[in-house]
Amino acid sequence: MAKIFICKPYPKHILEKFPLDITHLIHKFSFGILLVEHIEPDKRLASQHHKEEILFRII
């Protein structure tokens, strides 16, 4: 099961370059609020990359 986090809203995400994968699209179209755990291009987990913005884990 995928880990899903709630993050602080970041409306500027919608203006950033659009990725081709679904996990990044979910994060961007939710204005940064929904974060599905995945591996970032720099090989870190998304939760590590966004640890300052994460409010809590929902799943």
PDB file of N, CA and C in Angstrom:
ATOM      1  N   MET A   1       0.845  -1.182   0.000  1.00  0.00           N
ATOM      2  CA  MET A   1       0.000   0.000   0.000  1.00  0.00           C
ATOM      3  C   MET A   1       0.891   1.246   0.000  1.00  0.00           C
ATOM      4  N   ALA A   2       0.511   2.200  -0.788  1.00  0.00           N
ATOM      5  CA  ALA A   2       1.278   3.444  -0.882  1.00  0.00           C
ATOM      6  C   ALA A   2       1.072   4.312   0.357  1.00  0.00           C
ATOM      7  N   LYS A   3       2.122   4.996   0.755  1.00  0.00           N
ATOM      8  CA  LYS A   3       2.013   5.960   1.846  1.00  0.00           C
ATOM      9  C   LYS A   3       1.536   7.276   1.244  1.00  0.00           C
ATOM     10  N   ILE A   4       0.567   7.908   1.920  1.00  0.00           N
ATOM     11  CA  ILE A   4       0.036   9.188   1.461  1.00  0.00           C
ATOM     12  C   ILE A   4       0.128  10.176   2.611  1.00  0.00           C
ATOM     13  N   PHE A   5       0.607  11.366   2.306  1.00  0.00           N
ATOM     14  CA  PHE A   5       0.813  12.403   3.302  1.00  0.00           C
ATOM     15  C   PHE A   5      -0.004  13.639   2.956  1.00  0.00           C
ATOM     16  N   ILE A   6      -0.350  14.401   3.991  1.00  0.00           N
ATOM     17  CA  ILE A   6      -0.951  15.723   3.820  1.00  0.00           C
ATOM     18  C   ILE A   6       0.145  16.744   4.112  1.00  0.00           C
ATOM     19  N   CYS A   7       0.317  17.663   3.193  1.00  0.00           N
ATOM     20  CA  CYS A   7       1.367  18.678   3.313  1.00  0.00           C
ATOM     21  C   CYS A   7       0.753  20.074   3.381  1.00  0.00           C
ATOM     22  N   LYS A   8       1.574  21.022   3.763  1.00  0.00           N
ATOM     23  CA  LYS A   8       1.160  22.421   3.718  1.00  0.00           C
ATOM     24  C   LYS A   8       0.872  22.777   2.258  1.00  0.00           C
ATOM     25  N   PRO A   9      -0.183  23.544   1.991  1.00  0.00           N
ATOM     26  CA  PRO A   9      -0.475  23.944   0.610  1.00  0.00           C
ATOM     27  C   PRO A   9       0.662  24.758   0.014  1.00  0.00           C
ATOM     28  N   TYR A  10       0.922  24.501  -1.247  1.00  0.00           N
ATOM     29  CA  TYR A  10       1.964  25.225  -1.970  1.00  0.00           C
ATOM     30  C   TYR A  10       1.429  25.511  -3.374  1.00  0.00           C
ATOM     31  N   PRO A  11       0.597  26.566  -3.520  1.00  0.00           N
ATOM     32  CA  PRO A  11      -0.053  26.844  -4.802  1.00  0.00           C
ATOM     33  C   PRO A  11       0.903  27.038  -5.981  1.00  0.00           C
ATOM     34  N   LYS A  12       2.129  27.436  -5.728  1.00  0.00           N
ATOM     35  CA  LYS A  12       3.075  27.644  -6.828  1.00  0.00           C
ATOM     36  C   LYS A  12       3.423  26.338  -7.541  1.00  0.00           C
ATOM     37  N   HIS A  13       3.138  25.189  -6.906  1.00  0.00           N
ATOM     38  CA  HIS A  13       3.403  23.903  -7.564  1.00  0.00           C
ATOM     39  C   HIS A  13       2.672  23.808  -8.896  1.00  0.00           C
ATOM     40  N   ILE A  14       1.479  24.356  -8.980  1.00  0.00           N
ATOM     41  CA  ILE A  14       0.694  24.250 -10.206  1.00  0.00           C
ATOM     42  C   ILE A  14       1.366  24.986 -11.367  1.00  0.00           C
ATOM     43  N   LEU A  15       2.222  25.951 -11.068  1.00  0.00           N
ATOM     44  CA  LEU A  15       2.903  26.722 -12.102  1.00  0.00           C
ATOM     45  C   LEU A  15       4.236  26.109 -12.527  1.00  0.00           C
ATOM     46  N   GLU A  16       4.712  25.140 -11.770  1.00  0.00           N
ATOM     47  CA  GLU A  16       5.995  24.522 -12.078  1.00  0.00           C
ATOM     48  C   GLU A  16       5.864  23.554 -13.248  1.00  0.00           C
ATOM     49  N   LYS A  17       6.994  23.146 -13.772  1.00  0.00           N
ATOM     50  CA  LYS A  17       7.036  22.198 -14.885  1.00  0.00           C
ATOM     51  C   LYS A  17       6.237  20.940 -14.542  1.00  0.00           C
ATOM     52  N   PHE A  18       5.410  20.476 -15.474  1.00  0.00           N
ATOM     53  CA  PHE A  18       4.575  19.309 -15.235  1.00  0.00           C
ATOM     54  C   PHE A  18       5.329  18.028 -15.555  1.00  0.00           C
ATOM     55  N   PRO A  19       5.395  17.136 -14.594  1.00  0.00           N
ATOM     56  CA  PRO A  19       6.067  15.851 -14.806  1.00  0.00           C
ATOM     57  C   PRO A  19       5.160  14.885 -15.563  1.00  0.00           C
ATOM     58  N   LEU A  20       5.729  13.791 -15.984  1.00  0.00           N
ATOM     59  CA  LEU A  20       4.973  12.806 -16.747  1.00  0.00           C
ATOM     60  C   LEU A  20       4.369  11.694 -15.892  1.00  0.00           C
ATOM     61  N   ASP A  21       4.809  11.553 -14.638  1.00  0.00           N
ATOM     62  CA  ASP A  21       4.296  10.455 -13.824  1.00  0.00           C
ATOM     63  C   ASP A  21       3.143  10.910 -12.929  1.00  0.00           C
ATOM     64  N   ILE A  22       2.298   9.949 -12.583  1.00  0.00           N
ATOM     65  CA  ILE A  22       1.054  10.239 -11.849  1.00  0.00           C
ATOM     66  C   ILE A  22       1.301  10.752 -10.434  1.00  0.00           C
ATOM     67  N   THR A  23       2.324  10.260  -9.737  1.00  0.00           N
ATOM     68  CA  THR A  23       2.547  10.707  -8.362  1.00  0.00           C
ATOM     69  C   THR A  23       2.902  12.184  -8.296  1.00  0.00           C
ATOM     70  N   HIS A  24       3.699  12.662  -9.240  1.00  0.00           N
ATOM     71  CA  HIS A  24       4.022  14.090  -9.265  1.00  0.00           C
ATOM     72  C   HIS A  24       2.816  14.920  -9.701  1.00  0.00           C
ATOM     73  N   LEU A  25       2.021  14.393 -10.630  1.00  0.00           N
ATOM     74  CA  LEU A  25       0.826  15.120 -11.068  1.00  0.00           C
ATOM     75  C   LEU A  25      -0.164  15.295  -9.918  1.00  0.00           C
ATOM     76  N   ILE A  26      -0.359  14.255  -9.109  1.00  0.00           N
ATOM     77  CA  ILE A  26      -1.257  14.358  -7.954  1.00  0.00           C
ATOM     78  C   ILE A  26      -0.780  15.458  -7.017  1.00  0.00           C
ATOM     79  N   HIS A  27       0.507  15.481  -6.750  1.00  0.00           N
ATOM     80  CA  HIS A  27       1.075  16.483  -5.844  1.00  0.00           C
ATOM     81  C   HIS A  27       0.902  17.893  -6.412  1.00  0.00           C
ATOM     82  N   LYS A  28       1.156  18.063  -7.677  1.00  0.00           N
ATOM     83  CA  LYS A  28       1.068  19.394  -8.278  1.00  0.00           C
ATOM     84  C   LYS A  28      -0.373  19.876  -8.418  1.00  0.00           C
ATOM     85  N   PHE A  29      -1.273  18.998  -8.887  1.00  0.00           N
ATOM     86  CA  PHE A  29      -2.668  19.408  -9.068  1.00  0.00           C
ATOM     87  C   PHE A  29      -3.406  19.606  -7.754  1.00  0.00           C
ATOM     88  N   SER A  30      -2.878  19.058  -6.655  1.00  0.00           N
ATOM     89  CA  SER A  30      -3.491  19.290  -5.340  1.00  0.00           C
ATOM     90  C   SER A  30      -2.840  20.492  -4.650  1.00  0.00           C
ATOM     91  N   PHE A  31      -2.086  21.274  -5.406  1.00  0.00           N
ATOM     92  CA  PHE A  31      -1.369  22.441  -4.876  1.00  0.00           C
ATOM     93  C   PHE A  31      -0.398  22.053  -3.764  1.00  0.00           C
ATOM     94  N   GLY A  32       0.172  20.852  -3.880  1.00  0.00           N
ATOM     95  CA  GLY A  32       1.163  20.398  -2.918  1.00  0.00           C
ATOM     96  C   GLY A  32       0.599  19.741  -1.679  1.00  0.00           C
ATOM     97  N   ILE A  33      -0.726  19.627  -1.581  1.00  0.00           N
ATOM     98  CA  ILE A  33      -1.347  19.102  -0.354  1.00  0.00           C
ATOM     99  C   ILE A  33      -1.232  17.579  -0.265  1.00  0.00           C
ATOM    100  N   LEU A  34      -1.482  16.859  -1.345  1.00  0.00           N
ATOM    101  CA  LEU A  34      -1.395  15.396  -1.330  1.00  0.00           C
ATOM    102  C   LEU A  34      -0.030  14.955  -1.841  1.00  0.00           C
ATOM    103  N   LEU A  35       0.612  14.107  -1.068  1.00  0.00           N
ATOM    104  CA  LEU A  35       1.920  13.591  -1.460  1.00  0.00           C
ATOM    105  C   LEU A  35       1.882  12.069  -1.377  1.00  0.00           C
ATOM    106  N   VAL A  36       2.038  11.414  -2.503  1.00  0.00           N
ATOM    107  CA  VAL A  36       2.119   9.960  -2.557  1.00  0.00           C
ATOM    108  C   VAL A  36       3.598   9.602  -2.557  1.00  0.00           C
ATOM    109  N   GLU A  37       3.976   8.713  -1.655  1.00  0.00           N
ATOM    110  CA  GLU A  37       5.388   8.326  -1.536  1.00  0.00           C
ATOM    111  C   GLU A  37       5.908   7.756  -2.851  1.00  0.00           C
ATOM    112  N   HIS A  38       7.075   8.210  -3.255  1.00  0.00           N
ATOM    113  CA  HIS A  38       7.727   7.752  -4.475  1.00  0.00           C
ATOM    114  C   HIS A  38       9.203   8.137  -4.403  1.00  0.00           C
ATOM    115  N   ILE A  39       9.956   7.687  -5.355  1.00  0.00           N
ATOM    116  CA  ILE A  39      11.374   8.037  -5.433  1.00  0.00           C
ATOM    117  C   ILE A  39      11.515   9.276  -6.316  1.00  0.00           C
ATOM    118  N   GLU A  40      12.166  10.286  -5.782  1.00  0.00           N
ATOM    119  CA  GLU A  40      12.410  11.520  -6.527  1.00  0.00           C
ATOM    120  C   GLU A  40      13.556  11.301  -7.530  1.00  0.00           C
ATOM    121  N   PRO A  41      13.691  12.186  -8.503  1.00  0.00           N
ATOM    122  CA  PRO A  41      14.790  12.049  -9.466  1.00  0.00           C
ATOM    123  C   PRO A  41      16.185  12.036  -8.813  1.00  0.00           C
ATOM    124  N   ASP A  42      16.307  12.664  -7.654  1.00  0.00           N
ATOM    125  CA  ASP A  42      17.608  12.669  -6.968  1.00  0.00           C
ATOM    126  C   ASP A  42      17.796  11.422  -6.086  1.00  0.00           C
ATOM    127  N   LYS A  43      16.890  10.433  -6.238  1.00  0.00           N
ATOM    128  CA  LYS A  43      16.950   9.132  -5.549  1.00  0.00           C
ATOM    129  C   LYS A  43      16.515   9.151  -4.088  1.00  0.00           C
ATOM    130  N   ARG A  44      16.049  10.290  -3.568  1.00  0.00           N
ATOM    131  CA  ARG A  44      15.500  10.339  -2.206  1.00  0.00           C
ATOM    132  C   ARG A  44      14.019  10.007  -2.254  1.00  0.00           C
ATOM    133  N   LEU A  45      13.475   9.563  -1.107  1.00  0.00           N
ATOM    134  CA  LEU A  45      12.027   9.378  -1.010  1.00  0.00           C
ATOM    135  C   LEU A  45      11.354  10.744  -1.000  1.00  0.00           C
ATOM    136  N   ALA A  46      10.160  10.806  -1.532  1.00  0.00           N
ATOM    137  CA  ALA A  46       9.410  12.066  -1.553  1.00  0.00           C
ATOM    138  C   ALA A  46       9.206  12.608  -0.146  1.00  0.00           C
ATOM    139  N   SER A  47       8.953  11.717   0.821  1.00  0.00           N
ATOM    140  CA  SER A  47       8.746  12.160   2.205  1.00  0.00           C
ATOM    141  C   SER A  47      10.007  12.789   2.797  1.00  0.00           C
ATOM    142  N   GLN A  48      11.168  12.352   2.364  1.00  0.00           N
ATOM    143  CA  GLN A  48      12.421  12.980   2.807  1.00  0.00           C
ATOM    144  C   GLN A  48      12.608  14.331   2.129  1.00  0.00           C
ATOM    145  N   HIS A  49      12.289  14.366   0.850  1.00  0.00           N
ATOM    146  CA  HIS A  49      12.443  15.598   0.066  1.00  0.00           C
ATOM    147  C   HIS A  49      11.506  16.709   0.563  1.00  0.00           C
ATOM    148  N   HIS A  50      10.309  16.336   1.022  1.00  0.00           N
ATOM    149  CA  HIS A  50       9.289  17.308   1.446  1.00  0.00           C
ATOM    150  C   HIS A  50       9.066  17.302   2.955  1.00  0.00           C
ATOM    151  N   LYS A  51      10.023  16.830   3.728  1.00  0.00           N
ATOM    152  CA  LYS A  51       9.805  16.649   5.165  1.00  0.00           C
ATOM    153  C   LYS A  51       9.417  17.932   5.893  1.00  0.00           C
ATOM    154  N   GLU A  52       9.845  19.081   5.433  1.00  0.00           N
ATOM    155  CA  GLU A  52       9.487  20.357   6.073  1.00  0.00           C
ATOM    156  C   GLU A  52       8.028  20.731   5.826  1.00  0.00           C
ATOM    157  N   GLU A  53       7.445  20.228   4.748  1.00  0.00           N
ATOM    158  CA  GLU A  53       6.073  20.574   4.388  1.00  0.00           C
ATOM    159  C   GLU A  53       5.039  19.571   4.897  1.00  0.00           C
ATOM    160  N   ILE A  54       5.463  18.350   5.253  1.00  0.00           N
ATOM    161  CA  ILE A  54       4.516  17.307   5.666  1.00  0.00           C
ATOM    162  C   ILE A  54       3.891  17.654   7.012  1.00  0.00           C
ATOM    163  N   LEU A  55       2.561  17.582   7.061  1.00  0.00           N
ATOM    164  CA  LEU A  55       1.824  17.818   8.303  1.00  0.00           C
ATOM    165  C   LEU A  55       1.543  16.490   9.002  1.00  0.00           C
ATOM    166  N   PHE A  56       1.067  15.484   8.257  1.00  0.00           N
ATOM    167  CA  PHE A  56       0.842  14.158   8.834  1.00  0.00           C
ATOM    168  C   PHE A  56       0.630  13.139   7.724  1.00  0.00           C
ATOM    169  N   ARG A  57       0.733  11.881   8.108  1.00  0.00           N
ATOM    170  CA  ARG A  57       0.520  10.769   7.172  1.00  0.00           C
ATOM    171  C   ARG A  57      -0.917  10.287   7.334  1.00  0.00           C
ATOM    172  N   ILE A  58      -1.625  10.077   6.221  1.00  0.00           N
ATOM    173  CA  ILE A  58      -3.011   9.600   6.323  1.00  0.00           C
ATOM    174  C   ILE A  58      -3.131   8.108   6.029  1.00  0.00           C
ATOM    175  N   ILE A  59      -2.229   7.553   5.253  1.00  0.00           N
ATOM    176  CA  ILE A  59      -2.237   6.098   4.965  1.00  0.00           C
ATOM    177  C   ILE A  59      -0.799   5.613   5.028  1.00  0.00           C
TER     178      ILE A  59
END
